[in-house]
Protein backbone atom coordinates (compact mmCIF):
# COMPACT_ATOMS: atom_id res chain seq x y z
CA UNK A 1 0.00 0.00 0.00
CA UNK A 2 1.36 3.44 -0.89
CA UNK A 3 1.76 6.23 1.63
CA UNK A 4 -1.22 8.02 0.10
CA UNK A 5 -3.36 4.89 0.41
CA UNK A 6 -2.25 4.37 4.03
CA UNK A 7 -3.16 7.92 5.00
CA UNK A 8 -6.54 7.76 3.26
CA UNK A 9 -7.31 4.36 4.77
CA UNK A 10 -7.01 5.94 8.23
CA UNK A 11 -9.04 9.02 7.34
CA UNK A 12 -6.05 11.36 7.15
CA UNK A 13 -5.51 14.03 4.53
CA UNK A 14 -2.58 13.41 2.22
CA UNK A 15 0.06 16.10 2.68
CA UNK A 16 3.70 16.30 1.65
CA UNK A 17 4.95 16.39 5.28
CA UNK A 18 2.87 13.32 6.19
CA UNK A 19 4.15 11.42 3.17
CA UNK A 20 7.75 12.41 3.93
CA UNK A 21 7.48 11.34 7.59
CA UNK A 22 5.93 8.02 6.54
CA UNK A 23 8.85 7.45 4.14
CA UNK A 24 11.40 8.23 6.85
CA UNK A 25 9.72 5.88 9.34
CA UNK A 26 9.34 3.14 6.71
CA UNK A 27 13.12 3.12 6.28
CA UNK A 28 13.28 1.62 9.77
CA UNK A 29 14.73 2.37 13.14
CA UNK A 30 13.65 3.99 16.37
CA UNK A 31 14.08 7.64 15.56
CA UNK A 32 14.03 10.79 17.68
CA UNK A 33 12.07 13.78 16.38
CA UNK A 34 15.29 15.64 15.49
CA UNK A 35 16.45 12.71 13.34
CA UNK A 36 13.08 12.50 11.62
CA UNK A 37 13.01 16.27 11.02
CA UNK A 38 16.51 16.21 9.52
CA UNK A 39 15.58 13.38 7.14
CA UNK A 40 12.27 15.00 6.19
CA UNK A 41 14.11 18.25 5.37
CA UNK A 42 16.24 16.27 2.88
CA UNK A 43 12.99 15.42 1.06
CA UNK A 44 11.14 18.73 1.41
CA UNK A 45 12.45 22.23 0.98
CA UNK A 46 11.33 23.31 4.43
CA UNK A 47 9.35 21.90 7.31
CA UNK A 48 9.25 23.04 10.90
CA UNK A 49 10.01 20.81 13.85
CA UNK A 50 6.51 21.58 15.15
CA UNK A 51 5.01 20.34 11.87
CA UNK A 52 6.92 17.07 12.28
CA UNK A 53 5.62 16.73 15.86
CA UNK A 54 2.09 17.36 14.58
CA UNK A 55 2.47 14.74 11.84
CA UNK A 56 3.90 12.19 14.27
CA UNK A 57 0.99 12.79 16.64
CA UNK A 58 -1.54 12.28 13.85
CA UNK A 59 0.23 9.15 12.57
CA UNK A 60 0.44 7.66 16.08
CA UNK A 61 -3.25 8.34 16.79
CA UNK A 62 -4.14 6.75 13.44
CA UNK A 63 -2.05 3.65 14.21
CA UNK A 64 0.49 4.30 11.46
CA UNK A 65 3.42 4.92 13.78
CA UNK A 66 4.33 4.01 17.32
CA UNK A 67 5.79 6.29 19.97
CA UNK A 68 8.08 4.67 22.50
CA UNK A 69 9.65 6.38 25.51
CA UNK A 70 12.39 4.41 27.23
CA UNK A 71 13.02 5.80 30.72
CA UNK A 72 15.52 8.63 30.64
CA UNK A 73 15.38 8.95 26.84
CA UNK A 74 13.54 11.25 24.48
CA UNK A 75 10.52 9.86 22.66
CA UNK A 76 11.29 7.75 19.63
CA UNK A 77 9.05 6.76 16.74
CA UNK A 78 8.86 3.71 14.53
CA UNK A 79 6.70 2.39 11.72
CA UNK A 80 6.36 -1.13 13.11
CA UNK A 81 2.86 -1.15 14.59
CA UNK A 82 0.11 -3.56 15.51
CA UNK A 83 2.21 -6.62 16.27
CA UNK A 84 2.74 -6.19 20.03
CA UNK A 85 6.54 -6.33 19.82
CA UNK A 86 8.77 -5.10 22.62
CA UNK A 87 12.17 -3.39 22.85
CA UNK A 88 15.63 -3.91 24.31
CA UNK A 89 17.55 -0.75 25.21
CA UNK A 90 21.29 -0.41 25.78
CA UNK A 91 22.13 1.32 29.06
CA UNK A 92 25.44 2.48 27.56
CA UNK A 93 24.63 4.08 24.21
CA UNK A 94 20.83 4.04 24.09
CA UNK A 95 20.59 1.77 21.05
CA UNK A 96 17.13 0.20 20.74
CA UNK A 97 16.26 -3.10 19.06
CA UNK A 98 12.96 -4.85 18.49
CA UNK A 99 12.07 -7.98 20.44
CA UNK A 100 9.20 -10.10 19.19
CA UNK A 101 6.52 -11.25 21.60
CA UNK A 102 8.18 -12.73 24.67
CA UNK A 103 6.04 -15.84 25.12
CA UNK A 104 2.72 -16.98 23.72
CA UNK A 105 0.21 -14.82 21.94
CA UNK A 106 -0.62 -11.15 22.43
CA UNK A 107 -0.52 -9.50 24.85
CA UNK A 108 2.42 -11.77 25.86
CA UNK A 109 1.96 -11.07 29.54
CA UNK A 110 -1.17 -11.73 31.56
CA UNK A 111 -1.44 -9.53 34.65
CA UNK A 112 -2.48 -11.16 37.92
CA UNK A 113 -5.25 -8.58 38.10
CA UNK A 114 -6.31 -6.19 35.36
CA UNK A 115 -8.70 -4.17 37.54
CA UNK A 116 -11.53 -4.76 35.08
CA UNK A 117 -9.50 -3.73 32.03
CA UNK A 118 -9.63 -5.83 28.88
CA UNK A 119 -5.89 -6.09 28.20
CA UNK A 120 -4.98 -6.23 24.50
CA UNK A 121 -1.32 -5.21 24.57
CA UNK A 122 1.68 -5.33 26.88
CA UNK A 123 4.65 -2.99 26.61
CA UNK A 124 7.87 -4.49 27.87
CA UNK A 125 11.29 -2.86 27.83
CA UNK A 126 14.35 -4.99 28.39
CA UNK A 127 17.53 -3.20 29.52
CA UNK A 128 21.16 -4.25 29.14
CA UNK A 129 24.33 -3.55 27.19
CA UNK A 130 24.58 -3.88 23.42
CA UNK A 131 27.53 -5.84 21.95
CA UNK A 132 29.56 -2.66 21.24
CA UNK A 133 29.14 -1.37 24.81
CA UNK A 134 30.05 -4.81 26.18
CA UNK A 135 33.30 -4.67 24.18
CA UNK A 136 34.02 -1.14 25.42
CA UNK A 137 33.41 -2.22 29.01
CA UNK A 138 35.68 -5.27 28.59
CA UNK A 139 38.47 -3.11 27.15
CA UNK A 140 38.13 -0.63 30.05
CA UNK A 141 38.62 -3.41 32.63
C-alpha atoms as a PDB file:
ATOM      1  CA  UNK A   1       0.000   0.000   0.000  1.00  0.00           C
ATOM      2  CA  UNK A   2       1.359   3.437  -0.892  1.00  0.00           C
ATOM      3  CA  UNK A   3       1.756   6.234   1.634  1.00  0.00           C
ATOM      4  CA  UNK A   4      -1.217   8.024   0.102  1.00  0.00           C
ATOM      5  CA  UNK A   5      -3.363   4.895   0.415  1.00  0.00           C
ATOM      6  CA  UNK A   6      -2.245   4.372   4.031  1.00  0.00           C
ATOM      7  CA  UNK A   7      -3.161   7.919   5.000  1.00  0.00           C
ATOM      8  CA  UNK A   8      -6.537   7.765   3.257  1.00  0.00           C
ATOM      9  CA  UNK A   9      -7.313   4.362   4.768  1.00  0.00           C
ATOM     10  CA  UNK A  10      -7.013   5.945   8.231  1.00  0.00           C
ATOM     11  CA  UNK A  11      -9.039   9.018   7.338  1.00  0.00           C
ATOM     12  CA  UNK A  12      -6.053  11.364   7.151  1.00  0.00           C
ATOM     13  CA  UNK A  13      -5.505  14.032   4.532  1.00  0.00           C
ATOM     14  CA  UNK A  14      -2.581  13.410   2.220  1.00  0.00           C
ATOM     15  CA  UNK A  15       0.062  16.098   2.681  1.00  0.00           C
ATOM     16  CA  UNK A  16       3.697  16.296   1.653  1.00  0.00           C
ATOM     17  CA  UNK A  17       4.949  16.392   5.277  1.00  0.00           C
ATOM     18  CA  UNK A  18       2.867  13.322   6.186  1.00  0.00           C
ATOM     19  CA  UNK A  19       4.148  11.419   3.166  1.00  0.00           C
ATOM     20  CA  UNK A  20       7.748  12.407   3.931  1.00  0.00           C
ATOM     21  CA  UNK A  21       7.484  11.340   7.594  1.00  0.00           C
ATOM     22  CA  UNK A  22       5.929   8.017   6.537  1.00  0.00           C
ATOM     23  CA  UNK A  23       8.850   7.454   4.142  1.00  0.00           C
ATOM     24  CA  UNK A  24      11.399   8.232   6.846  1.00  0.00           C
ATOM     25  CA  UNK A  25       9.718   5.880   9.336  1.00  0.00           C
ATOM     26  CA  UNK A  26       9.336   3.141   6.709  1.00  0.00           C
ATOM     27  CA  UNK A  27      13.123   3.117   6.278  1.00  0.00           C
ATOM     28  CA  UNK A  28      13.279   1.621   9.774  1.00  0.00           C
ATOM     29  CA  UNK A  29      14.730   2.373  13.136  1.00  0.00           C
ATOM     30  CA  UNK A  30      13.650   3.990  16.373  1.00  0.00           C
ATOM     31  CA  UNK A  31      14.076   7.643  15.555  1.00  0.00           C
ATOM     32  CA  UNK A  32      14.025  10.787  17.676  1.00  0.00           C
ATOM     33  CA  UNK A  33      12.066  13.777  16.380  1.00  0.00           C
ATOM     34  CA  UNK A  34      15.287  15.635  15.491  1.00  0.00           C
ATOM     35  CA  UNK A  35      16.453  12.714  13.337  1.00  0.00           C
ATOM     36  CA  UNK A  36      13.079  12.498  11.622  1.00  0.00           C
ATOM     37  CA  UNK A  37      13.014  16.266  11.024  1.00  0.00           C
ATOM     38  CA  UNK A  38      16.509  16.209   9.525  1.00  0.00           C
ATOM     39  CA  UNK A  39      15.583  13.381   7.135  1.00  0.00           C
ATOM     40  CA  UNK A  40      12.265  15.002   6.189  1.00  0.00           C
ATOM     41  CA  UNK A  41      14.110  18.248   5.366  1.00  0.00           C
ATOM     42  CA  UNK A  42      16.235  16.274   2.885  1.00  0.00           C
ATOM     43  CA  UNK A  43      12.987  15.415   1.057  1.00  0.00           C
ATOM     44  CA  UNK A  44      11.141  18.727   1.410  1.00  0.00           C
ATOM     45  CA  UNK A  45      12.453  22.235   0.983  1.00  0.00           C
ATOM     46  CA  UNK A  46      11.334  23.309   4.431  1.00  0.00           C
ATOM     47  CA  UNK A  47       9.352  21.901   7.307  1.00  0.00           C
ATOM     48  CA  UNK A  48       9.247  23.044  10.903  1.00  0.00           C
ATOM     49  CA  UNK A  49      10.008  20.810  13.846  1.00  0.00           C
ATOM     50  CA  UNK A  50       6.514  21.584  15.149  1.00  0.00           C
ATOM     51  CA  UNK A  51       5.015  20.345  11.867  1.00  0.00           C
ATOM     52  CA  UNK A  52       6.919  17.066  12.282  1.00  0.00           C
ATOM     53  CA  UNK A  53       5.619  16.735  15.863  1.00  0.00           C
ATOM     54  CA  UNK A  54       2.087  17.359  14.577  1.00  0.00           C
ATOM     55  CA  UNK A  55       2.468  14.742  11.838  1.00  0.00           C
ATOM     56  CA  UNK A  56       3.898  12.190  14.267  1.00  0.00           C
ATOM     57  CA  UNK A  57       0.987  12.785  16.642  1.00  0.00           C
ATOM     58  CA  UNK A  58      -1.537  12.282  13.847  1.00  0.00           C
ATOM     59  CA  UNK A  59       0.229   9.150  12.570  1.00  0.00           C
ATOM     60  CA  UNK A  60       0.441   7.663  16.084  1.00  0.00           C
ATOM     61  CA  UNK A  61      -3.247   8.337  16.795  1.00  0.00           C
ATOM     62  CA  UNK A  62      -4.137   6.753  13.445  1.00  0.00           C
ATOM     63  CA  UNK A  63      -2.048   3.653  14.207  1.00  0.00           C
ATOM     64  CA  UNK A  64       0.488   4.305  11.460  1.00  0.00           C
ATOM     65  CA  UNK A  65       3.418   4.916  13.782  1.00  0.00           C
ATOM     66  CA  UNK A  66       4.329   4.007  17.322  1.00  0.00           C
ATOM     67  CA  UNK A  67       5.791   6.290  19.973  1.00  0.00           C
ATOM     68  CA  UNK A  68       8.084   4.671  22.503  1.00  0.00           C
ATOM     69  CA  UNK A  69       9.647   6.383  25.513  1.00  0.00           C
ATOM     70  CA  UNK A  70      12.387   4.407  27.235  1.00  0.00           C
ATOM     71  CA  UNK A  71      13.022   5.796  30.723  1.00  0.00           C
ATOM     72  CA  UNK A  72      15.521   8.627  30.642  1.00  0.00           C
ATOM     73  CA  UNK A  73      15.385   8.951  26.844  1.00  0.00           C
ATOM     74  CA  UNK A  74      13.538  11.247  24.475  1.00  0.00           C
ATOM     75  CA  UNK A  75      10.517   9.855  22.655  1.00  0.00           C
ATOM     76  CA  UNK A  76      11.289   7.746  19.630  1.00  0.00           C
ATOM     77  CA  UNK A  77       9.054   6.765  16.738  1.00  0.00           C
ATOM     78  CA  UNK A  78       8.864   3.707  14.529  1.00  0.00           C
ATOM     79  CA  UNK A  79       6.699   2.393  11.716  1.00  0.00           C
ATOM     80  CA  UNK A  80       6.361  -1.128  13.106  1.00  0.00           C
ATOM     81  CA  UNK A  81       2.862  -1.150  14.591  1.00  0.00           C
ATOM     82  CA  UNK A  82       0.107  -3.557  15.514  1.00  0.00           C
ATOM     83  CA  UNK A  83       2.214  -6.618  16.272  1.00  0.00           C
ATOM     84  CA  UNK A  84       2.741  -6.194  20.033  1.00  0.00           C
ATOM     85  CA  UNK A  85       6.535  -6.330  19.823  1.00  0.00           C
ATOM     86  CA  UNK A  86       8.770  -5.103  22.619  1.00  0.00           C
ATOM     87  CA  UNK A  87      12.169  -3.395  22.851  1.00  0.00           C
ATOM     88  CA  UNK A  88      15.630  -3.913  24.307  1.00  0.00           C
ATOM     89  CA  UNK A  89      17.553  -0.747  25.207  1.00  0.00           C
ATOM     90  CA  UNK A  90      21.291  -0.411  25.778  1.00  0.00           C
ATOM     91  CA  UNK A  91      22.126   1.323  29.058  1.00  0.00           C
ATOM     92  CA  UNK A  92      25.439   2.480  27.564  1.00  0.00           C
ATOM     93  CA  UNK A  93      24.629   4.084  24.214  1.00  0.00           C
ATOM     94  CA  UNK A  94      20.833   4.042  24.091  1.00  0.00           C
ATOM     95  CA  UNK A  95      20.592   1.775  21.053  1.00  0.00           C
ATOM     96  CA  UNK A  96      17.132   0.196  20.738  1.00  0.00           C
ATOM     97  CA  UNK A  97      16.262  -3.097  19.055  1.00  0.00           C
ATOM     98  CA  UNK A  98      12.957  -4.846  18.492  1.00  0.00           C
ATOM     99  CA  UNK A  99      12.070  -7.979  20.445  1.00  0.00           C
ATOM    100  CA  UNK A 100       9.200 -10.102  19.193  1.00  0.00           C
ATOM    101  CA  UNK A 101       6.518 -11.248  21.600  1.00  0.00           C
ATOM    102  CA  UNK A 102       8.182 -12.725  24.675  1.00  0.00           C
ATOM    103  CA  UNK A 103       6.037 -15.844  25.120  1.00  0.00           C
ATOM    104  CA  UNK A 104       2.723 -16.980  23.724  1.00  0.00           C
ATOM    105  CA  UNK A 105       0.212 -14.821  21.937  1.00  0.00           C
ATOM    106  CA  UNK A 106      -0.622 -11.154  22.426  1.00  0.00           C
ATOM    107  CA  UNK A 107      -0.515  -9.498  24.855  1.00  0.00           C
ATOM    108  CA  UNK A 108       2.422 -11.775  25.857  1.00  0.00           C
ATOM    109  CA  UNK A 109       1.960 -11.065  29.540  1.00  0.00           C
ATOM    110  CA  UNK A 110      -1.169 -11.728  31.556  1.00  0.00           C
ATOM    111  CA  UNK A 111      -1.441  -9.528  34.654  1.00  0.00           C
ATOM    112  CA  UNK A 112      -2.478 -11.156  37.915  1.00  0.00           C
ATOM    113  CA  UNK A 113      -5.251  -8.578  38.102  1.00  0.00           C
ATOM    114  CA  UNK A 114      -6.309  -6.195  35.359  1.00  0.00           C
ATOM    115  CA  UNK A 115      -8.702  -4.169  37.537  1.00  0.00           C
ATOM    116  CA  UNK A 116     -11.532  -4.758  35.080  1.00  0.00           C
ATOM    117  CA  UNK A 117      -9.505  -3.728  32.028  1.00  0.00           C
ATOM    118  CA  UNK A 118      -9.629  -5.827  28.880  1.00  0.00           C
ATOM    119  CA  UNK A 119      -5.885  -6.086  28.200  1.00  0.00           C
ATOM    120  CA  UNK A 120      -4.982  -6.232  24.502  1.00  0.00           C
ATOM    121  CA  UNK A 121      -1.315  -5.205  24.565  1.00  0.00           C
ATOM    122  CA  UNK A 122       1.682  -5.326  26.881  1.00  0.00           C
ATOM    123  CA  UNK A 123       4.647  -2.992  26.609  1.00  0.00           C
ATOM    124  CA  UNK A 124       7.873  -4.493  27.871  1.00  0.00           C
ATOM    125  CA  UNK A 125      11.287  -2.856  27.834  1.00  0.00           C
ATOM    126  CA  UNK A 126      14.353  -4.987  28.389  1.00  0.00           C
ATOM    127  CA  UNK A 127      17.526  -3.198  29.515  1.00  0.00           C
ATOM    128  CA  UNK A 128      21.158  -4.246  29.145  1.00  0.00           C
ATOM    129  CA  UNK A 129      24.331  -3.548  27.192  1.00  0.00           C
ATOM    130  CA  UNK A 130      24.585  -3.876  23.416  1.00  0.00           C
ATOM    131  CA  UNK A 131      27.532  -5.840  21.948  1.00  0.00           C
ATOM    132  CA  UNK A 132      29.560  -2.664  21.244  1.00  0.00           C
ATOM    133  CA  UNK A 133      29.139  -1.367  24.808  1.00  0.00           C
ATOM    134  CA  UNK A 134      30.045  -4.805  26.178  1.00  0.00           C
ATOM    135  CA  UNK A 135      33.301  -4.673  24.183  1.00  0.00           C
ATOM    136  CA  UNK A 136      34.015  -1.143  25.425  1.00  0.00           C
ATOM    137  CA  UNK A 137      33.406  -2.223  29.010  1.00  0.00           C
ATOM    138  CA  UNK A 138      35.678  -5.268  28.589  1.00  0.00           C
ATOM    139  CA  UNK A 139      38.465  -3.114  27.148  1.00  0.00           C
ATOM    140  CA  UNK A 140      38.130  -0.631  30.048  1.00  0.00           C
ATOM    141  CA  UNK A 141      38.622  -3.414  32.635  1.00  0.00           C
END
